Structure formats: C-alpha cells, structure tokens
Amino acid sequence: MKVLVVGSGAREHALVRSIVADPAVDTVIAAPGNPGIETLALCVPVDAMDGGAVADLAVAHGVDLVVVGPEAPLVAGVADVVRDRGVPVFGPSAEAARLEGSKAFAKEIMAAAGVPTAMARVCTTTEQAADALAAFGAPYVVKDDGLAAGKGVVVTDDADAALAHARDCLARPGGAVVVEEFLDGPEVSLFVVTDGVTAVPLAPAQDFKRVGDGDAGPNTGGMGAYSPLPWAPPGLVAEVVDRVAQPVINELARRGTPFAGLLYCGLALTSRGLRVVEFNARFGDPETQVVLARLRTPFASLLLAAATGDLAGFPPLRWSDDAAVTVVVASAGYPGTPRTGDPIAGLEDAGEVPGAWVLHAGTTRDADGTVVSSGGRVLSVVGTGRDLPAAREVAYRAVELVDLPGSHHRSDIAAAR
C-alpha cells in the first residue's frame, strides 16, 4: 500500500510513524512533511491547502490512501478534491468538517442529535456577547466561531478580558463568537474513527491546554498529553460512542453530508454528567502522539477501511498495556509571538533514550542543513513505560537532552491528577 500524509506537524510525524509500521505499507509520502518525517517518508514540497496539487501528487504516485492531518485543509475542502479524483481519503468533506470549522454549526448538530453539551449563545455583536456573558456569569467562556489553531478559547473570571476577546473575534470579517456556560470537571479527548456509518473508538487521552504548570497562563495548541486514564470511569468510551459520536455521525448522514474520517470528541466529565466541550474533524495534537504510541492494530489498514466504507467488518483494535506521555517543547515567546530560527541540538541523544522518541512539530532546515525551530510548538517528546510514572520519567529524561535556546515546557504533564 502507498499512503500520502498531508501536513507538517508532530501529529503528522506520529501518523507517518504508525503508518510506516503497518506491514501492508511499502511507501509513505508526506506533503510537505518536516525534517523528522523525512527520515521515514518521501517529503514533497506541496502546499497542504492546495487540493489540486495534493490530488495531482496522489495520482502521480499511484497512492492507495490519502490521510489529511490538519484541520485547515479539511475545512477548505482538500479531501473533496482528492476524493473527486478517485483516490480514497481519510478525512471528512468540507461540509462535514464544519463540525470543527464552525462552533455554531457544531452546537446546531448537537441540538438536533440530542448530544449533551454546555448551554451556549451564538453572538455576532458586542452587545449580544455582553448580554450572554452577564447571563452565564463567571467563569466566562468565549470561543471564536472559526478555526483558531487551539487558541480561540478564553476561560476567565475577568469579564473585561472575556468581552475583549469577543470583540477581537467579532472584528474579523464574518466574525462570530460562542459564549457558553462553564463546565466543571476533568477533560477527556476521545478519537473515533468512522466511515460515516460505523464508529470505532480509540483509547482516551488527556491533554494539557494551558502554557504553564498547574494549568496557569493562556491556552495553547496543547503542551502535552498522556494515555491511558486510570481515573476514567468504567464504561466511559461506550457512553461517548452511544451518546455523542454515533448520534452525531447519524445526524450528519441524515443530512446527506456523511462524516468519514476522525471525529475528535473533546469532553468534560462534569458534576452533572458527560458534556461535549468541542468537536474536531481530525486527530488532535498532542493526544495523537500518545494514543498511537499504544495502538498495536495495523494503523494504515484501519484508516483505509474507514476511507472505503469497510469499518463494520474490521477486527477489534489491539492495544499495548504500556502507558505513553508526550511533552511539548515550545519556542521562546510561545503562545504569543514565537521566536524562530534557533538551532536544535540533542535530537539523536533524546531519541536514544529507551522507550522514547522525538516527533518534529515546528522545525525546518536552514541553508546549512541544520535543524532549526520554525514555529511555536517545536517538538513532541514521547516516553513509554509500564505505567504512567515510568512513561513520564522516560519522556522527561529525553526532554532534558534537547537543547533549544530559550525553549520552555511544562514539568507537570501526567503528574497526579
């Protein structure tokens, strides 16, 4: 099997790593990839947002499956263009990807499907936002309606800060915000692979969204994650499939826009029961890094079954009993204006720690061929072990071997929750 993976982050590096490990796969191409991915796959400098170019690349190489990693190409319809060329794609259509592309649309779908979620108001003016904030009270939750790379959500006790975020979002063309009630309780990420009919859940994970230890500071794209979740209630996965994933899949199919790909369910286990915080239309970053570290089922074969409508007959998934922890190494200035162009040393040493590996997120090569930082989240360092403390120790031992000037990372990923 030949597989083309679209994207250039640590999520895509994790996807490629697991796809390469599938015995059915003999060739992997990445568009555009990154310096870490190029050690495993042929990287081709194609713009992930250019559906025509991605489709041309897939056809030219005779690939059997295209896997679209990031949300922006999915919302822009890249999967549709490739699918129209007759190539199987793991990734929803632009219409189905609105589940992530518009939080207002997601609320509409959840209401129609009877899915438990936070009470919310969709606001298109500052006055509406102010009224909604007053109605729900603190803590205030304000979400940009559109894509915001994981940084469009503000949760604060400061009404002025909440209204300022709403105002910034509304200032953009067609801007809208969703103001919600605050959901208490721990959050869980559950990935569900679907062909538009059948739902196959992966193992749950938890990510750490805020930049600082103890969940301090602003939201980020994610500073680390771990799996499994020893504290998760028994039956949680089945409950999410029955009450959340399957009803949403059924509702989108009923509307004639089936969702085939990865449905990311972001959940809060509140004092009043399970609630959906958000949906994404693709694998989450950094949860993918730990979930795939534990998956033993041939991964590309699973994605191909979803892309071709064959999930109903796919064998039950197999999982490692080991735990996995990933720690994000971020550049100076992140999540504000990240500093880029800094050389990264120690990558080989970190990757030689038993049970650890390094996934590239925001990296590139300079004119001399040196790997340098090129974004905010630069690396995801993964550690595995017999349990969470062991996996955590491996991950942090590897992190300490990475040398990126000015970098920062959280020291409490997968610590006692």
Protein backbone atom coordinates (compact mmCIF):
# COMPACT_ATOMS: atom_id res chain seq x y z
CA MET A 1 0.00 0.00 0.00
CA LYS A 2 1.16 3.54 -0.83
CA VAL A 3 0.00 6.26 1.55
CA LEU A 4 0.18 10.05 1.24
CA VAL A 5 0.02 12.03 4.51
CA VAL A 6 -0.85 15.72 4.21
CA GLY A 7 0.62 18.06 6.83
CA SER A 8 3.85 19.04 8.54
CA GLY A 9 3.43 18.88 12.33
CA ALA A 10 4.09 16.46 15.18
CA ARG A 11 0.64 14.94 14.63
CA GLU A 12 1.62 14.09 11.07
CA HIS A 13 5.00 12.76 12.24
CA ALA A 14 3.10 10.45 14.62
CA LEU A 15 0.71 9.41 11.85
CA VAL A 16 3.60 8.64 9.49
CA ARG A 17 5.45 6.70 12.19
CA SER A 18 2.44 4.43 12.78
CA ILE A 19 1.60 4.09 9.08
CA VAL A 20 5.17 3.02 8.26
CA ALA A 21 4.89 0.32 10.94
CA ASP A 22 1.90 -1.28 9.17
CA PRO A 23 3.17 -4.41 7.32
CA ALA A 24 0.77 -3.66 4.45
CA VAL A 25 2.53 -0.35 3.70
CA ASP A 26 5.57 -0.17 1.46
CA THR A 27 5.71 3.55 0.61
CA VAL A 28 4.79 6.70 2.50
CA ILE A 29 4.84 10.20 1.00
CA ALA A 30 4.36 13.39 3.02
CA ALA A 31 3.21 16.77 1.72
CA PRO A 32 5.08 18.80 2.75
CA GLY A 33 6.39 16.93 5.82
CA ASN A 34 9.23 18.12 8.04
CA PRO A 35 12.85 17.20 8.91
CA GLY A 36 11.68 14.45 11.26
CA ILE A 37 9.19 12.97 8.80
CA GLU A 38 11.81 12.92 6.03
CA THR A 39 13.66 10.15 7.90
CA LEU A 40 10.62 7.90 7.37
CA ALA A 41 8.93 9.13 4.18
CA LEU A 42 9.46 10.92 0.89
CA CYS A 43 8.70 14.59 1.57
CA VAL A 44 7.38 16.63 -1.35
CA PRO A 45 7.06 20.44 -1.04
CA VAL A 46 3.37 20.63 -1.89
CA ASP A 47 1.08 23.19 -0.20
CA ALA A 48 -1.29 21.27 2.09
CA MET A 49 -4.01 23.82 1.32
CA ASP A 50 -3.85 23.27 -2.46
CA GLY A 51 -6.34 20.47 -3.12
CA GLY A 52 -5.45 20.26 -6.79
CA ALA A 53 -1.74 19.90 -6.07
CA VAL A 54 -2.38 17.27 -3.39
CA ALA A 55 -4.63 15.32 -5.78
CA ASP A 56 -2.06 15.57 -8.58
CA LEU A 57 0.62 14.23 -6.24
CA ALA A 58 -1.58 11.33 -5.15
CA VAL A 59 -2.41 10.37 -8.73
CA ALA A 60 1.19 10.76 -9.94
CA HIS A 61 2.46 8.37 -7.27
CA GLY A 62 -0.48 5.98 -7.56
CA VAL A 63 -1.26 6.14 -3.86
CA ASP A 64 -3.91 3.91 -2.35
CA LEU A 65 -4.84 6.24 0.50
CA VAL A 66 -4.53 9.93 1.36
CA VAL A 67 -4.60 10.93 5.03
CA VAL A 68 -5.27 14.63 5.67
CA GLY A 69 -3.79 15.64 9.03
CA PRO A 70 -4.58 19.31 9.81
CA GLU A 71 -7.97 20.97 10.14
CA ALA A 72 -7.46 23.88 7.74
CA PRO A 73 -7.14 21.74 4.56
CA LEU A 74 -10.18 19.70 5.61
CA VAL A 75 -12.33 22.79 6.18
CA ALA A 76 -11.05 24.16 2.85
CA GLY A 77 -12.20 21.02 1.01
CA VAL A 78 -8.89 19.37 0.14
CA ALA A 79 -10.35 15.92 0.88
CA ASP A 80 -13.21 16.61 -1.54
CA VAL A 81 -10.84 17.44 -4.39
CA VAL A 82 -8.80 14.27 -3.82
CA ARG A 83 -11.90 12.12 -3.46
CA ASP A 84 -13.29 13.53 -6.71
CA ARG A 85 -10.14 12.23 -8.42
CA GLY A 86 -11.00 8.70 -7.33
CA VAL A 87 -8.45 8.34 -4.54
CA PRO A 88 -9.61 7.03 -1.13
CA VAL A 89 -9.24 9.72 1.54
CA PHE A 90 -9.22 9.54 5.32
CA GLY A 91 -10.71 12.90 6.21
CA PRO A 92 -14.21 14.41 6.06
CA SER A 93 -15.67 16.59 3.35
CA ALA A 94 -15.64 20.36 3.77
CA GLU A 95 -19.33 20.27 4.63
CA ALA A 96 -18.86 17.62 7.35
CA ALA A 97 -15.69 19.36 8.62
CA ARG A 98 -17.86 22.36 9.52
CA LEU A 99 -18.27 20.44 12.77
CA GLU A 100 -14.86 21.91 13.63
CA GLY A 101 -14.86 24.89 11.30
CA SER A 102 -17.89 26.47 12.99
CA LYS A 103 -18.68 26.06 16.67
CA ALA A 104 -22.16 27.42 16.00
CA PHE A 105 -22.74 24.63 13.45
CA ALA A 106 -21.46 22.07 15.97
CA LYS A 107 -24.00 23.34 18.52
CA GLU A 108 -26.75 23.03 15.91
CA ILE A 109 -25.79 19.43 15.15
CA MET A 110 -25.61 18.53 18.85
CA ALA A 111 -29.04 20.01 19.48
CA ALA A 112 -30.52 18.03 16.58
CA ALA A 113 -28.79 14.82 17.71
CA GLY A 114 -29.62 15.22 21.40
CA VAL A 115 -25.97 15.32 22.45
CA PRO A 116 -25.19 16.69 25.95
CA THR A 117 -23.18 19.91 25.82
CA ALA A 118 -22.84 23.29 27.51
CA MET A 119 -25.64 25.85 27.19
CA ALA A 120 -24.48 28.49 24.75
CA ARG A 121 -25.38 31.56 22.76
CA VAL A 122 -24.04 32.44 19.31
CA CYS A 123 -23.21 36.16 19.19
CA THR A 124 -22.49 38.41 16.22
CA THR A 125 -22.36 41.75 18.02
CA THR A 126 -20.52 43.04 21.09
CA GLU A 127 -23.85 43.83 22.72
CA GLN A 128 -25.04 40.24 22.29
CA ALA A 129 -21.75 38.95 23.73
CA ALA A 130 -22.02 41.26 26.74
CA ASP A 131 -25.57 40.10 27.40
CA ALA A 132 -24.54 36.44 27.15
CA LEU A 133 -21.59 36.92 29.50
CA ALA A 134 -23.88 38.56 32.04
CA ALA A 135 -26.41 35.75 31.70
CA PHE A 136 -23.96 32.89 32.21
CA GLY A 137 -21.69 34.58 34.76
CA ALA A 138 -18.16 33.68 35.76
CA PRO A 139 -16.07 31.78 34.90
CA TYR A 140 -16.64 33.22 31.43
CA VAL A 141 -16.13 31.01 28.36
CA VAL A 142 -15.77 32.73 24.97
CA LYS A 143 -14.97 30.78 21.79
CA ASP A 144 -14.11 32.09 18.36
CA ASP A 145 -16.65 30.52 15.99
CA GLY A 146 -13.98 29.64 13.41
CA LEU A 147 -10.61 27.90 13.33
CA ALA A 148 -8.04 29.37 15.70
CA ALA A 149 -5.31 26.70 15.99
CA GLY A 150 -6.38 25.80 19.52
CA LYS A 151 -6.04 29.37 20.77
CA GLY A 152 -9.51 30.78 20.08
CA VAL A 153 -10.94 29.96 23.50
CA VAL A 154 -10.72 32.19 26.57
CA VAL A 155 -11.80 30.97 30.01
CA THR A 156 -11.50 33.71 32.61
CA ASP A 157 -13.05 35.25 35.73
CA ASP A 158 -12.36 38.69 34.24
CA ALA A 159 -15.46 39.99 32.46
CA ASP A 160 -13.48 42.72 30.71
CA ALA A 161 -10.97 40.19 29.34
CA ALA A 162 -13.80 37.95 28.14
CA LEU A 163 -15.53 40.81 26.35
CA ALA A 164 -12.23 41.98 24.84
CA HIS A 165 -11.66 38.51 23.34
CA ALA A 166 -15.20 38.51 21.97
CA ARG A 167 -14.64 41.94 20.45
CA ASP A 168 -11.39 40.78 18.76
CA CYS A 169 -13.14 37.77 17.25
CA LEU A 170 -16.11 39.82 16.07
CA ALA A 171 -13.80 42.35 14.39
CA ARG A 172 -12.87 39.82 11.73
CA PRO A 173 -14.97 39.60 8.53
CA GLY A 174 -18.00 37.45 9.26
CA GLY A 175 -16.87 37.18 12.87
CA ALA A 176 -18.97 35.36 15.43
CA VAL A 177 -18.40 34.02 18.92
CA VAL A 178 -19.99 31.33 21.04
CA VAL A 179 -20.44 32.26 24.70
CA GLU A 180 -21.00 29.21 26.90
CA GLU A 181 -21.66 28.18 30.45
CA PHE A 182 -18.52 26.96 32.24
CA LEU A 183 -18.14 23.19 32.51
CA ASP A 184 -16.50 21.84 35.64
CA GLY A 185 -14.63 18.54 35.95
CA PRO A 186 -11.70 16.87 34.17
CA GLU A 187 -11.49 16.89 30.39
CA VAL A 188 -11.02 13.84 28.18
CA SER A 189 -10.18 13.50 24.50
CA LEU A 190 -11.62 10.54 22.62
CA PHE A 191 -10.86 9.88 18.95
CA VAL A 192 -13.48 7.99 16.95
CA VAL A 193 -12.62 6.54 13.53
CA THR A 194 -15.68 6.42 11.29
CA ASP A 195 -16.61 5.63 7.70
CA GLY A 196 -19.77 7.70 8.01
CA VAL A 197 -21.81 4.83 9.46
CA THR A 198 -19.75 2.77 11.88
CA ALA A 199 -17.91 4.28 14.88
CA VAL A 200 -14.66 2.71 16.14
CA PRO A 201 -13.29 4.44 19.27
CA LEU A 202 -9.60 4.68 20.07
CA ALA A 203 -8.15 4.89 23.59
CA PRO A 204 -8.99 8.04 25.57
CA ALA A 205 -6.29 10.57 26.43
CA GLN A 206 -5.96 13.83 28.32
CA ASP A 207 -4.12 16.90 27.07
CA PHE A 208 -2.82 19.99 28.86
CA LYS A 209 -4.01 23.13 27.09
CA ARG A 210 -2.55 25.94 29.20
CA VAL A 211 1.04 27.03 28.79
CA GLY A 212 2.21 26.82 32.39
CA ASP A 213 2.50 24.31 35.21
CA GLY A 214 -0.66 23.95 37.27
CA ASP A 215 -2.74 24.99 34.24
CA ALA A 216 -1.53 28.58 34.53
CA GLY A 217 -1.41 31.10 31.69
CA PRO A 218 -3.15 31.30 28.33
CA ASN A 219 -4.48 28.44 26.21
CA THR A 220 -2.18 26.88 23.65
CA GLY A 221 -2.48 24.25 20.96
CA GLY A 222 -1.54 21.75 23.68
CA MET A 223 1.57 21.35 25.86
CA GLY A 224 1.45 17.60 26.49
CA ALA A 225 -0.78 14.56 26.86
CA TYR A 226 -1.00 11.08 28.31
CA SER A 227 -2.84 7.77 27.90
CA PRO A 228 -4.37 5.65 29.41
CA LEU A 229 -6.51 7.44 32.00
CA PRO A 230 -6.56 5.25 35.13
CA TRP A 231 -9.11 7.57 36.77
CA ALA A 232 -11.64 7.49 33.91
CA PRO A 233 -14.95 5.89 34.91
CA PRO A 234 -15.58 2.38 33.56
CA GLY A 235 -17.82 2.41 30.54
CA LEU A 236 -16.78 5.94 29.53
CA VAL A 237 -15.80 5.02 25.97
CA ALA A 238 -19.03 3.12 25.34
CA GLU A 239 -21.04 6.01 26.77
CA VAL A 240 -19.30 8.53 24.47
CA VAL A 241 -19.92 6.36 21.42
CA ASP A 242 -23.59 5.80 22.33
CA ARG A 243 -24.49 9.33 23.48
CA VAL A 244 -22.14 11.50 21.42
CA ALA A 245 -20.26 10.04 18.46
CA GLN A 246 -22.89 7.76 16.93
CA PRO A 247 -25.74 10.29 17.19
CA VAL A 248 -23.58 12.98 15.51
CA ILE A 249 -22.49 10.55 12.77
CA ASN A 250 -26.11 9.56 12.23
CA GLU A 251 -27.29 13.20 12.09
CA LEU A 252 -24.67 14.20 9.52
CA ALA A 253 -25.54 11.14 7.40
CA ARG A 254 -29.23 12.04 7.66
CA ARG A 255 -28.41 15.49 6.27
CA GLY A 256 -26.63 13.96 3.28
CA THR A 257 -23.18 15.05 4.44
CA PRO A 258 -21.70 11.90 6.00
CA PHE A 259 -18.65 12.33 8.21
CA ALA A 260 -15.92 9.88 7.15
CA GLY A 261 -12.64 10.34 8.97
CA LEU A 262 -11.63 11.13 12.53
CA LEU A 263 -14.22 12.59 14.88
CA TYR A 264 -12.42 14.10 17.87
CA CYS A 265 -14.70 14.34 20.89
CA GLY A 266 -13.47 16.84 23.49
CA LEU A 267 -15.36 16.07 26.67
CA ALA A 268 -15.84 17.33 30.23
CA LEU A 269 -16.81 14.89 32.97
CA THR A 270 -18.91 17.34 34.96
CA SER A 271 -20.76 17.00 38.24
CA ARG A 272 -23.92 16.72 36.12
CA GLY A 273 -22.50 14.05 33.81
CA LEU A 274 -20.78 13.88 30.43
CA ARG A 275 -20.75 17.07 28.31
CA VAL A 276 -19.15 17.84 24.93
CA VAL A 277 -16.71 20.75 25.03
CA GLU A 278 -15.85 20.69 21.33
CA PHE A 279 -15.54 18.56 18.22
CA ASN A 280 -12.60 18.43 15.87
CA ALA A 281 -12.60 16.89 12.42
CA ARG A 282 -9.12 15.38 12.67
CA PHE A 283 -6.63 13.79 15.03
CA GLY A 284 -5.79 16.05 17.97
CA ASP A 285 -2.30 17.30 18.68
CA PRO A 286 -0.69 16.29 21.08
CA GLU A 287 -3.08 13.45 22.02
CA THR A 288 -2.36 11.59 18.77
CA GLN A 289 1.25 11.20 19.86
CA VAL A 290 0.28 9.12 22.92
CA VAL A 291 -2.75 7.29 21.54
CA LEU A 292 -0.86 5.95 18.53
CA ALA A 293 2.11 5.04 20.74
CA ARG A 294 -0.19 2.44 22.34
CA LEU A 295 -2.07 1.18 19.26
CA ARG A 296 -0.99 -2.27 18.05
CA THR A 297 -3.55 -2.76 15.26
CA PRO A 298 -2.06 -2.04 11.78
CA PHE A 299 -2.88 1.64 11.51
CA ALA A 300 -2.97 2.26 7.76
CA SER A 301 -5.29 -0.70 7.30
CA LEU A 302 -7.70 0.83 9.83
CA LEU A 303 -7.68 4.20 8.05
CA LEU A 304 -8.17 2.54 4.64
CA ALA A 305 -11.18 0.62 5.98
CA ALA A 306 -12.69 3.92 7.13
CA ALA A 307 -11.93 5.63 3.81
CA THR A 308 -13.57 2.81 1.81
CA GLY A 309 -16.63 2.17 3.99
CA ASP A 310 -15.42 -1.16 5.38
CA LEU A 311 -15.22 -0.46 9.12
CA ALA A 312 -18.13 -2.72 10.09
CA GLY A 313 -16.07 -5.82 9.34
CA PHE A 314 -12.77 -4.57 10.76
CA PRO A 315 -11.31 -6.70 13.60
CA PRO A 316 -11.37 -5.33 17.17
CA LEU A 317 -8.49 -2.97 17.90
CA ARG A 318 -5.48 -4.19 19.86
CA TRP A 319 -3.69 -2.03 22.44
CA SER A 320 -0.47 -2.13 24.41
CA ASP A 321 -0.80 -2.26 28.20
CA ASP A 322 2.01 0.31 28.40
CA ALA A 323 1.41 3.98 29.14
CA ALA A 324 2.54 6.88 26.98
CA VAL A 325 3.34 10.51 27.84
CA THR A 326 4.27 13.32 25.47
CA VAL A 327 5.83 16.64 26.47
CA VAL A 328 5.81 19.60 24.07
CA VAL A 329 8.98 21.66 23.80
CA ALA A 330 7.94 25.20 22.80
CA SER A 331 9.96 28.10 21.48
CA ALA A 332 10.67 31.34 23.34
CA GLY A 333 7.62 33.62 23.18
CA TYR A 334 5.01 30.91 22.62
CA PRO A 335 1.99 31.15 22.73
CA GLY A 336 2.46 34.84 21.91
CA THR A 337 4.92 35.63 19.11
CA PRO A 338 7.28 32.65 18.96
CA ARG A 339 10.96 33.09 18.20
CA THR A 340 12.10 31.00 15.24
CA GLY A 341 15.39 30.08 13.58
CA ASP A 342 17.09 28.73 16.71
CA PRO A 343 19.27 25.62 16.18
CA ILE A 344 18.09 22.42 17.86
CA ALA A 345 20.68 20.05 19.32
CA GLY A 346 20.41 16.77 21.19
CA LEU A 347 17.71 15.21 19.00
CA GLU A 348 19.63 11.98 18.43
CA ASP A 349 20.54 11.67 22.11
CA ALA A 350 16.92 12.18 23.15
CA GLY A 351 15.74 9.58 20.64
CA GLU A 352 18.18 7.03 22.04
CA VAL A 353 16.60 7.03 25.49
CA PRO A 354 14.97 3.56 25.75
CA GLY A 355 11.22 3.88 25.23
CA ALA A 356 11.43 7.46 23.93
CA TRP A 357 11.24 9.15 20.54
CA VAL A 358 11.11 12.72 19.29
CA LEU A 359 8.40 13.98 16.91
CA HIS A 360 9.01 17.17 14.96
CA ALA A 361 6.35 19.89 15.02
CA GLY A 362 7.73 23.34 14.15
CA THR A 363 11.10 22.52 12.58
CA THR A 364 12.86 23.15 9.29
CA ARG A 365 16.40 23.12 7.90
CA ASP A 366 18.42 26.28 7.39
CA ALA A 367 20.75 26.94 4.45
CA ASP A 368 23.45 24.82 6.10
CA GLY A 369 21.11 21.87 6.65
CA THR A 370 20.87 22.44 10.39
CA VAL A 371 17.51 21.64 12.01
CA VAL A 372 16.11 24.89 13.43
CA SER A 373 12.86 25.98 15.04
CA SER A 374 10.13 27.28 12.73
CA GLY A 375 7.08 27.62 14.95
CA GLY A 376 5.68 27.84 18.46
CA ARG A 377 5.40 24.19 19.37
CA VAL A 378 8.71 22.80 18.13
CA LEU A 379 8.91 19.18 19.30
CA SER A 380 6.78 16.48 20.94
CA VAL A 381 8.92 14.16 23.04
CA VAL A 382 7.20 10.82 23.69
CA GLY A 383 8.01 8.42 26.51
CA THR A 384 6.55 4.96 27.05
CA GLY A 385 6.68 2.66 30.06
CA ARG A 386 4.86 0.00 32.04
CA ASP A 387 2.77 2.68 33.80
CA LEU A 388 2.33 6.46 33.78
CA PRO A 389 5.11 7.26 36.25
CA ALA A 390 7.55 5.15 34.23
CA ALA A 391 6.47 6.70 30.91
CA ARG A 392 6.68 10.16 32.43
CA GLU A 393 10.21 9.56 33.68
CA VAL A 394 11.29 8.39 30.21
CA ALA A 395 9.72 11.41 28.48
CA TYR A 396 11.33 13.96 30.78
CA ARG A 397 14.72 12.22 30.63
CA ALA A 398 14.59 12.65 26.85
CA VAL A 399 13.34 16.26 27.10
CA GLU A 400 16.37 17.20 29.21
CA LEU A 401 18.66 16.08 26.38
CA VAL A 402 17.09 18.50 23.87
CA ASP A 403 18.88 21.84 23.54
CA LEU A 404 16.76 24.64 22.06
CA PRO A 405 17.78 28.15 23.20
CA GLY A 406 15.02 29.90 25.13
CA SER A 407 12.66 26.94 24.95
CA HIS A 408 10.13 26.07 27.64
CA HIS A 409 7.97 23.09 28.57
CA ARG A 410 5.59 22.08 31.32
CA SER A 411 7.07 19.97 34.11
CA ASP A 412 3.75 18.51 35.31
CA ILE A 413 2.47 16.52 32.31
CA ALA A 414 0.82 13.30 33.58
CA ALA A 415 1.61 14.16 37.20
CA ALA A 416 -1.04 13.21 39.76
CA ARG A 417 -4.42 14.50 38.55
